């Protein structure tokens, strides 16, 4: 599987195509960003043209979106992936969605709505967006863009209106049809959209206790099952997921549950522990998973064919946020740590866990890593 090559203290890892960027924020609050090569070398720090302290910074669709402190703190500055300034858009927060439009145009969306050209860097202000906040962009499929709103009880499908904005195609309200029990609220609550999975002409929407199969083009509800589907990672027509304490395999073509079994036991050094999971990536038939065991986290690899864990590496007190595999390298990120792994033949090289934890007995906290609940300032994964 993989052997650990190195650890780095960075609070952010971002990839775009085959490019990797590592970043951190110094004690004085200054943000630093570096390109990182697959050979393990940090490049020169990205130097953005303005000298003011950076307030917010995001990497979306190959663009750096930055807001600075000071008089223009409400403006968003757009930079290329190399850190070259392209444009400044006034009165728009940098935490936005980027939606494809026609030719070289994209839409920038939050409460404002802007059309932006990736070649000429010109933009057109289209005013306020059609939906009131809070809303979430759930992705695009077959020419439609999907949003949730109204307490996440409604699903709105939109399409491009000849390059002049978006128009609503249909809206589905799950507040009644998806009504069910919520452990968070400890009672029956209106339906809320928990997960959306796209496959072919179908849209699979999961509310608290029900799974809805919807025709993508028309919005017609084709069927409702007393099942739930988490975010699925799809290979062929089969979706796979390890989520909370369950392993799920679902045939999206046939609309049939293949497996939904409790897998709440994780074996480490011959001992079983109660565990919960968050799936991060499906690559070459292997599901890469963040595993929580008694407040400690592992990065683990689960073979969806044998339905067994085939590799793991012990981390610390924060869950693993992301995993990226580029060539023979794997880059994983958790809170303020980045680990770089190299693919090895399992018959000739040790796993990352053996490499780092040799001689350790039982399940213990790594001595150089504080518990997550003892740290402060854990920020969202899109910012540093």
Protein backbone atom coordinates (compact mmCIF):
# COMPACT_ATOMS: atom_id res chain seq x y z
CA UNK A 1 0.00 0.00 0.00
CA UNK A 2 1.76 3.16 1.25
CA UNK A 3 4.83 3.98 3.31
CA UNK A 4 5.13 7.22 5.23
CA UNK A 5 7.79 9.51 3.76
CA UNK A 6 7.43 12.71 5.77
CA UNK A 7 5.30 14.85 8.07
CA UNK A 8 4.79 18.58 7.79
CA UNK A 9 3.16 21.12 10.10
CA UNK A 10 0.79 22.83 7.68
CA UNK A 11 -2.80 23.83 8.35
CA UNK A 12 -3.88 23.63 4.71
CA UNK A 13 -3.37 21.31 1.77
CA UNK A 14 -4.93 22.04 -1.60
CA UNK A 15 -4.62 20.33 -4.95
CA UNK A 16 -5.64 21.37 -8.44
CA UNK A 17 -4.98 18.93 -11.28
CA UNK A 18 -1.46 17.68 -10.46
CA UNK A 19 -0.46 20.76 -8.43
CA UNK A 20 -0.18 20.72 -4.63
CA UNK A 21 -0.07 23.68 -2.23
CA UNK A 22 0.75 23.65 1.45
CA UNK A 23 0.01 26.55 3.75
CA UNK A 24 0.02 27.77 7.34
CA UNK A 25 -0.62 30.87 9.40
CA UNK A 26 2.17 32.24 11.58
CA UNK A 27 1.71 33.33 15.18
CA UNK A 28 1.53 36.93 13.97
CA UNK A 29 -1.41 35.99 11.76
CA UNK A 30 0.34 36.15 8.40
CA UNK A 31 -0.65 33.51 5.84
CA UNK A 32 2.02 31.61 3.90
CA UNK A 33 1.47 29.39 0.85
CA UNK A 34 3.96 27.18 -0.98
CA UNK A 35 3.77 24.93 -4.03
CA UNK A 36 4.85 21.39 -3.20
CA UNK A 37 6.38 18.96 -5.67
CA UNK A 38 5.83 15.22 -5.82
CA UNK A 39 9.56 14.90 -5.14
CA UNK A 40 9.00 16.35 -1.67
CA UNK A 41 10.34 19.85 -2.30
CA UNK A 42 8.70 23.13 -1.27
CA UNK A 43 8.79 25.79 -3.96
CA UNK A 44 9.02 29.53 -3.50
CA UNK A 45 6.30 31.12 -1.43
CA UNK A 46 3.42 32.60 -3.41
CA UNK A 47 3.66 36.39 -3.17
CA UNK A 48 0.33 38.08 -3.75
CA UNK A 49 0.64 41.67 -4.94
CA UNK A 50 -1.11 43.44 -2.05
CA UNK A 51 0.81 43.95 1.19
CA UNK A 52 -2.14 44.10 3.57
CA UNK A 53 -2.73 41.12 5.89
CA UNK A 54 -4.91 38.46 4.28
CA UNK A 55 -8.28 38.02 5.96
CA UNK A 56 -9.70 35.10 3.94
CA UNK A 57 -8.14 32.91 1.27
CA UNK A 58 -9.71 30.10 -0.75
CA UNK A 59 -8.70 27.92 -3.69
CA UNK A 60 -11.66 27.21 -5.94
CA UNK A 61 -11.52 25.73 -9.45
CA UNK A 62 -7.91 26.75 -9.97
CA UNK A 63 -8.38 30.33 -8.73
CA UNK A 64 -7.14 31.87 -5.51
CA UNK A 65 -9.85 34.08 -3.98
CA UNK A 66 -8.56 36.52 -1.36
CA UNK A 67 -9.95 39.17 0.94
CA UNK A 68 -7.57 41.53 2.72
CA UNK A 69 -7.86 43.47 5.95
CA UNK A 70 -8.32 47.19 5.74
CA UNK A 71 -10.59 49.55 3.84
CA UNK A 72 -11.27 47.10 1.01
CA UNK A 73 -11.93 44.08 3.23
CA UNK A 74 -15.29 43.44 1.51
CA UNK A 75 -13.67 43.08 -1.93
CA UNK A 76 -12.54 39.79 -3.46
CA UNK A 77 -9.22 39.67 -5.32
CA UNK A 78 -8.90 36.92 -7.93
CA UNK A 79 -5.48 35.34 -8.63
CA UNK A 80 -4.35 32.59 -10.96
CA UNK A 81 -3.10 29.29 -9.61
CA UNK A 82 0.44 30.71 -9.86
CA UNK A 83 -0.49 33.73 -7.73
CA UNK A 84 -0.83 36.29 -10.55
CA UNK A 85 -3.52 38.93 -9.97
CA UNK A 86 -6.41 38.89 -12.44
CA UNK A 87 -9.22 41.03 -11.10
CA UNK A 88 -10.79 42.72 -8.06
CA UNK A 89 -14.53 42.32 -7.56
CA UNK A 90 -15.97 44.86 -5.09
CA UNK A 91 -18.44 44.00 -2.33
CA UNK A 92 -18.29 40.23 -2.80
CA UNK A 93 -17.12 37.73 -0.18
CA UNK A 94 -14.40 35.32 -1.28
CA UNK A 95 -16.28 32.32 0.12
CA UNK A 96 -18.23 31.63 -3.05
CA UNK A 97 -19.23 28.91 -5.47
CA UNK A 98 -17.87 28.75 -9.03
CA UNK A 99 -20.32 27.34 -11.57
CA UNK A 100 -19.46 26.59 -15.21
CA UNK A 101 -21.19 28.70 -17.87
CA UNK A 102 -20.64 28.93 -21.63
CA UNK A 103 -17.20 29.08 -23.29
CA UNK A 104 -14.66 30.79 -20.98
CA UNK A 105 -17.26 32.16 -18.58
CA UNK A 106 -18.13 31.02 -15.07
CA UNK A 107 -20.60 32.24 -12.48
CA UNK A 108 -19.40 33.38 -9.06
CA UNK A 109 -22.16 32.83 -6.52
CA UNK A 110 -22.87 33.69 -2.91
CA UNK A 111 -25.46 36.29 -1.96
CA UNK A 112 -24.15 38.20 -4.99
CA UNK A 113 -24.14 36.89 -8.56
CA UNK A 114 -21.23 37.69 -10.89
CA UNK A 115 -20.30 36.42 -14.37
CA UNK A 116 -16.51 36.09 -14.79
CA UNK A 117 -14.35 35.41 -17.86
CA UNK A 118 -11.38 33.10 -17.24
CA UNK A 119 -9.47 34.40 -20.29
CA UNK A 120 -10.02 38.15 -20.30
CA UNK A 121 -10.74 38.53 -16.54
CA UNK A 122 -13.66 40.85 -17.23
CA UNK A 123 -16.77 40.46 -15.11
CA UNK A 124 -20.44 41.39 -15.15
CA UNK A 125 -22.39 42.09 -11.97
CA UNK A 126 -25.74 40.29 -12.22
CA UNK A 127 -27.01 41.58 -8.88
CA UNK A 128 -28.35 39.50 -6.02
CA UNK A 129 -28.57 35.74 -6.39
CA UNK A 130 -31.97 34.14 -6.90
CA UNK A 131 -31.92 32.29 -3.55
CA UNK A 132 -31.73 33.83 -0.12
CA UNK A 133 -29.08 32.61 2.27
CA UNK A 134 -28.48 30.15 3.71
CA UNK A 135 -28.26 27.91 0.65
CA UNK A 136 -25.78 25.23 -0.39
CA UNK A 137 -24.56 24.35 -3.87
CA UNK A 138 -24.71 20.56 -4.32
CA UNK A 139 -23.15 20.26 -7.77
CA UNK A 140 -24.08 20.11 -11.43
CA UNK A 141 -25.37 17.14 -13.43
CA UNK A 142 -26.65 16.86 -16.99
CA UNK A 143 -26.70 20.60 -17.55
CA UNK A 144 -28.47 21.48 -14.30
CA UNK A 145 -27.16 23.11 -11.13
CA UNK A 146 -28.56 21.93 -7.80
CA UNK A 147 -29.01 23.92 -4.59
CA UNK A 148 -30.62 23.25 -1.22
CA UNK A 149 -32.36 26.02 0.72
CA UNK A 150 -35.16 26.77 3.21
CA UNK A 151 -33.50 24.95 6.08
CA UNK A 152 -32.18 22.39 3.58
CA UNK A 153 -35.73 21.10 3.08
CA UNK A 154 -35.98 22.24 -0.55
CA UNK A 155 -34.01 21.16 -3.61
CA UNK A 156 -33.80 23.70 -6.44
CA UNK A 157 -32.61 22.81 -9.96
CA UNK A 158 -31.39 25.67 -12.17
CA UNK A 159 -30.01 25.96 -15.70
CA UNK A 160 -27.98 28.52 -17.62
CA UNK A 161 -30.11 31.21 -19.27
CA UNK A 162 -28.09 31.81 -22.47
CA UNK A 163 -25.11 33.11 -20.51
CA UNK A 164 -27.17 35.78 -18.74
CA UNK A 165 -27.62 34.04 -15.42
CA UNK A 166 -29.57 31.08 -14.08
CA UNK A 167 -33.25 30.25 -14.16
CA UNK A 168 -35.19 27.87 -11.96
CA UNK A 169 -36.28 24.63 -13.64
CA UNK A 170 -38.01 22.93 -10.73
CA UNK A 171 -38.16 22.98 -6.94
CA UNK A 172 -38.86 19.99 -4.67
CA UNK A 173 -40.04 20.38 -1.08
CA UNK A 174 -39.14 17.49 1.26
CA UNK A 175 -40.42 19.07 4.46
CA UNK A 176 -43.41 16.67 4.52
CA UNK A 177 -42.37 13.70 2.37
CA UNK A 178 -39.05 13.49 4.18
CA UNK A 179 -40.40 14.10 7.68
CA UNK A 180 -38.77 11.79 10.22
CA UNK A 181 -37.00 11.35 13.51
CA UNK A 182 -33.90 13.45 14.23
CA UNK A 183 -31.49 12.38 16.92
CA UNK A 184 -30.07 15.89 16.98
CA UNK A 185 -33.49 17.38 17.79
CA UNK A 186 -34.67 14.27 19.68
CA UNK A 187 -38.00 14.20 17.89
CA UNK A 188 -39.90 14.25 14.60
CA UNK A 189 -38.88 17.18 12.41
CA UNK A 190 -39.63 18.35 8.85
CA UNK A 191 -37.61 16.64 6.16
CA UNK A 192 -34.07 17.92 5.58
CA UNK A 193 -31.82 16.89 2.72
CA UNK A 194 -28.84 15.07 4.20
CA UNK A 195 -27.17 13.64 1.08
CA UNK A 196 -27.47 13.86 -2.70
CA UNK A 197 -25.99 11.31 -5.10
CA UNK A 198 -25.95 11.73 -8.89
CA UNK A 199 -25.99 8.78 -11.27
CA UNK A 200 -27.06 8.73 -14.92
CA UNK A 201 -30.59 10.11 -15.29
CA UNK A 202 -31.28 9.66 -11.58
CA UNK A 203 -30.88 11.89 -8.58
CA UNK A 204 -30.89 10.08 -5.21
CA UNK A 205 -31.93 12.33 -2.31
CA UNK A 206 -31.66 11.15 1.31
CA UNK A 207 -33.68 12.77 4.10
CA UNK A 208 -33.78 11.61 7.73
CA UNK A 209 -35.44 8.25 7.10
CA UNK A 210 -36.20 8.07 3.38
CA UNK A 211 -34.45 7.72 0.05
CA UNK A 212 -36.02 9.43 -2.97
CA UNK A 213 -35.23 8.49 -6.57
CA UNK A 214 -35.83 11.49 -8.84
CA UNK A 215 -35.69 12.00 -12.59
CA UNK A 216 -32.94 14.59 -13.06
CA UNK A 217 -34.49 16.24 -16.12
CA UNK A 218 -38.05 16.68 -14.85
CA UNK A 219 -37.82 16.55 -11.07
CA UNK A 220 -40.44 13.79 -10.94
CA UNK A 221 -40.16 11.58 -7.85
CA UNK A 222 -39.96 8.04 -9.24
CA UNK A 223 -39.92 6.15 -5.97
CA UNK A 224 -39.39 6.49 -2.22
CA UNK A 225 -37.68 3.83 -0.14
CA UNK A 226 -37.39 3.41 3.62
CA UNK A 227 -33.62 3.54 3.28
CA UNK A 228 -30.92 6.16 3.61
CA UNK A 229 -27.80 6.63 1.50
CA UNK A 230 -24.79 8.61 2.70
CA UNK A 231 -22.44 10.29 0.25
CA UNK A 232 -21.52 7.45 -2.12
CA UNK A 233 -18.22 6.90 -3.90
CA UNK A 234 -19.07 5.34 -7.25
CA UNK A 235 -17.23 2.70 -9.28
CA UNK A 236 -19.16 1.55 -12.32
CA UNK A 237 -22.79 1.44 -11.23
CA UNK A 238 -22.05 0.62 -7.58
CA UNK A 239 -21.73 3.22 -4.85
CA UNK A 240 -19.67 2.48 -1.74
CA UNK A 241 -19.43 4.19 1.61
CA UNK A 242 -18.18 3.69 5.17
CA UNK A 243 -20.13 6.22 7.21
CA UNK A 244 -20.63 6.42 10.97
CA UNK A 245 -20.62 2.73 11.87
CA UNK A 246 -22.06 1.23 8.66
CA UNK A 247 -20.67 -0.12 5.41
CA UNK A 248 -23.01 0.45 2.46
CA UNK A 249 -22.93 -0.79 -1.12
CA UNK A 250 -25.77 0.29 -3.41
CA UNK A 251 -26.53 -0.55 -7.05
CA UNK A 252 -27.45 2.84 -8.48
CA UNK A 253 -28.48 1.37 -11.82
CA UNK A 254 -30.94 -1.12 -10.36
CA UNK A 255 -31.88 1.02 -7.37
CA UNK A 256 -31.14 -1.84 -4.99
CA UNK A 257 -29.29 -2.04 -1.69
CA UNK A 258 -26.53 -4.64 -1.92
CA UNK A 259 -25.12 -4.28 1.55
CA UNK A 260 -25.86 -2.16 4.59
CA UNK A 261 -24.16 -3.77 7.57
CA UNK A 262 -22.85 -2.51 10.85
CA UNK A 263 -19.02 -2.35 10.85
CA UNK A 264 -18.39 -0.65 14.17
CA UNK A 265 -15.33 -2.72 15.11
CA UNK A 266 -11.80 -1.77 14.08
CA UNK A 267 -8.81 -4.00 14.76
CA UNK A 268 -5.50 -2.46 15.81
CA UNK A 269 -2.56 -4.58 16.96
CA UNK A 270 -4.80 -7.58 17.44
CA UNK A 271 -7.38 -5.78 19.60
CA UNK A 272 -10.88 -4.70 18.60
CA UNK A 273 -12.13 -1.18 19.25
CA UNK A 274 -15.47 0.54 18.67
CA UNK A 275 -15.14 2.81 15.65
CA UNK A 276 -16.89 5.33 13.42
CA UNK A 277 -15.97 6.24 9.83
CA UNK A 278 -15.92 9.04 7.29
CA UNK A 279 -15.14 8.09 3.68
CA UNK A 280 -12.76 10.42 1.85
CA UNK A 281 -11.76 8.88 -1.49
CA UNK A 282 -12.35 5.83 -3.68
CA UNK A 283 -9.28 5.02 -5.78
CA UNK A 284 -8.63 1.81 -7.72
CA UNK A 285 -11.16 -0.14 -5.65
CA UNK A 286 -9.81 1.09 -2.32
CA UNK A 287 -11.89 3.32 -0.06
CA UNK A 288 -9.73 5.68 2.02
CA UNK A 289 -11.38 6.40 5.34
CA UNK A 290 -10.93 8.52 8.46
CA UNK A 291 -11.50 6.17 11.41
CA UNK A 292 -12.35 7.46 14.88
CA UNK A 293 -11.40 5.17 17.75
CA UNK A 294 -11.87 6.51 21.29
CA UNK A 295 -10.99 10.06 20.25
CA UNK A 296 -7.96 8.99 18.22
CA UNK A 297 -8.00 8.91 14.43
CA UNK A 298 -6.54 6.58 11.82
CA UNK A 299 -6.23 6.89 8.08
CA UNK A 300 -7.26 3.49 6.76
CA UNK A 301 -7.68 1.73 3.40
CA UNK A 302 -10.70 -0.53 2.86
CA UNK A 303 -10.89 -2.95 -0.08
CA UNK A 304 -14.46 -2.84 -1.44
CA UNK A 305 -14.06 -6.26 -3.09
CA UNK A 306 -12.86 -8.22 -0.05
CA UNK A 307 -14.68 -5.83 2.33
CA UNK A 308 -11.65 -5.79 4.62
CA UNK A 309 -9.23 -3.14 5.84
CA UNK A 310 -5.87 -3.65 4.15
CA UNK A 311 -3.78 -0.79 5.59
CA UNK A 312 -3.86 1.89 8.28
CA UNK A 313 -1.77 4.62 9.86
CA UNK A 314 -2.29 6.08 13.34
CA UNK A 315 -2.73 9.88 13.49
CA UNK A 316 -3.79 12.06 16.43
CA UNK A 317 -6.79 13.82 17.89
CA UNK A 318 -8.29 15.35 14.74
CA UNK A 319 -10.10 13.53 11.96
CA UNK A 320 -8.46 13.35 8.54
CA UNK A 321 -9.89 16.14 6.37
CA UNK A 322 -8.72 15.10 2.93
CA UNK A 323 -6.77 12.53 0.93
CA UNK A 324 -5.26 13.10 -2.52
CA UNK A 325 -3.46 10.49 -4.65
CA UNK A 326 -1.24 11.75 -7.46
CA UNK A 327 0.96 9.22 -9.19
CA UNK A 328 2.67 7.08 -6.54
CA UNK A 329 2.19 9.70 -3.83
CA UNK A 330 -0.62 10.08 -1.31
CA UNK A 331 -1.09 13.37 0.54
CA UNK A 332 -3.31 13.43 3.64
CA UNK A 333 -4.29 16.40 5.81
CA UNK A 334 -5.63 16.66 9.36
CA UNK A 335 -5.97 20.00 11.18
CA UNK A 336 -2.38 21.31 11.22
CA UNK A 337 -0.53 18.26 9.88
CA UNK A 338 0.20 16.98 6.39
CA UNK A 339 1.64 13.53 5.75
CA UNK A 340 3.20 12.41 2.49
CA UNK A 341 3.18 8.71 1.60
CA UNK A 342 4.73 6.69 -1.22
CA UNK A 343 3.10 3.64 -2.76
CA UNK A 344 5.04 0.44 -2.01
CA UNK A 345 4.68 -3.24 -2.76
CA UNK A 346 3.14 -4.70 0.42
CA UNK A 347 5.45 -7.72 0.18
CA UNK A 348 8.62 -5.60 0.18
CA UNK A 349 7.87 -2.48 2.20
CA UNK A 350 6.32 -1.68 5.59
CA UNK A 351 3.06 0.22 6.02
CA UNK A 352 3.21 3.76 7.30
CA UNK A 353 1.86 2.51 10.62
CA UNK A 354 4.65 -0.03 11.05
CA UNK A 355 7.17 2.58 10.00
CA UNK A 356 6.12 5.14 12.60
CA UNK A 357 4.66 3.10 15.44
CA UNK A 358 7.12 0.23 15.73
CA UNK A 359 7.31 -1.07 19.29
CA UNK A 360 4.19 0.75 20.49
CA UNK A 361 1.84 -1.42 22.51
CA UNK A 362 -1.91 -0.93 22.64
CA UNK A 363 -3.80 2.20 21.65
CA UNK A 364 -1.98 5.30 22.90
CA UNK A 365 -1.82 9.00 22.14
CA UNK A 366 1.20 10.02 20.06
CA UNK A 367 3.40 11.94 22.48
CA UNK A 368 4.17 14.80 20.09
CA UNK A 369 0.53 15.51 19.20
CA UNK A 370 -1.97 17.11 21.62
CA UNK A 371 -5.56 15.95 21.82
CA UNK A 372 -8.00 17.76 19.55
CA UNK A 373 -10.11 18.95 22.48
CA UNK A 374 -7.05 20.65 23.98
CA UNK A 375 -6.37 22.79 20.93
CA UNK A 376 -8.10 25.96 19.83
CA UNK A 377 -8.68 27.71 16.56
CA UNK A 378 -9.53 24.77 14.30
CA UNK A 379 -10.66 26.44 11.11
CA UNK A 380 -12.65 25.25 8.12
CA UNK A 381 -10.82 23.23 5.51
CA UNK A 382 -11.09 25.90 2.82
CA UNK A 383 -9.24 28.67 4.65
CA UNK A 384 -5.98 29.23 6.47
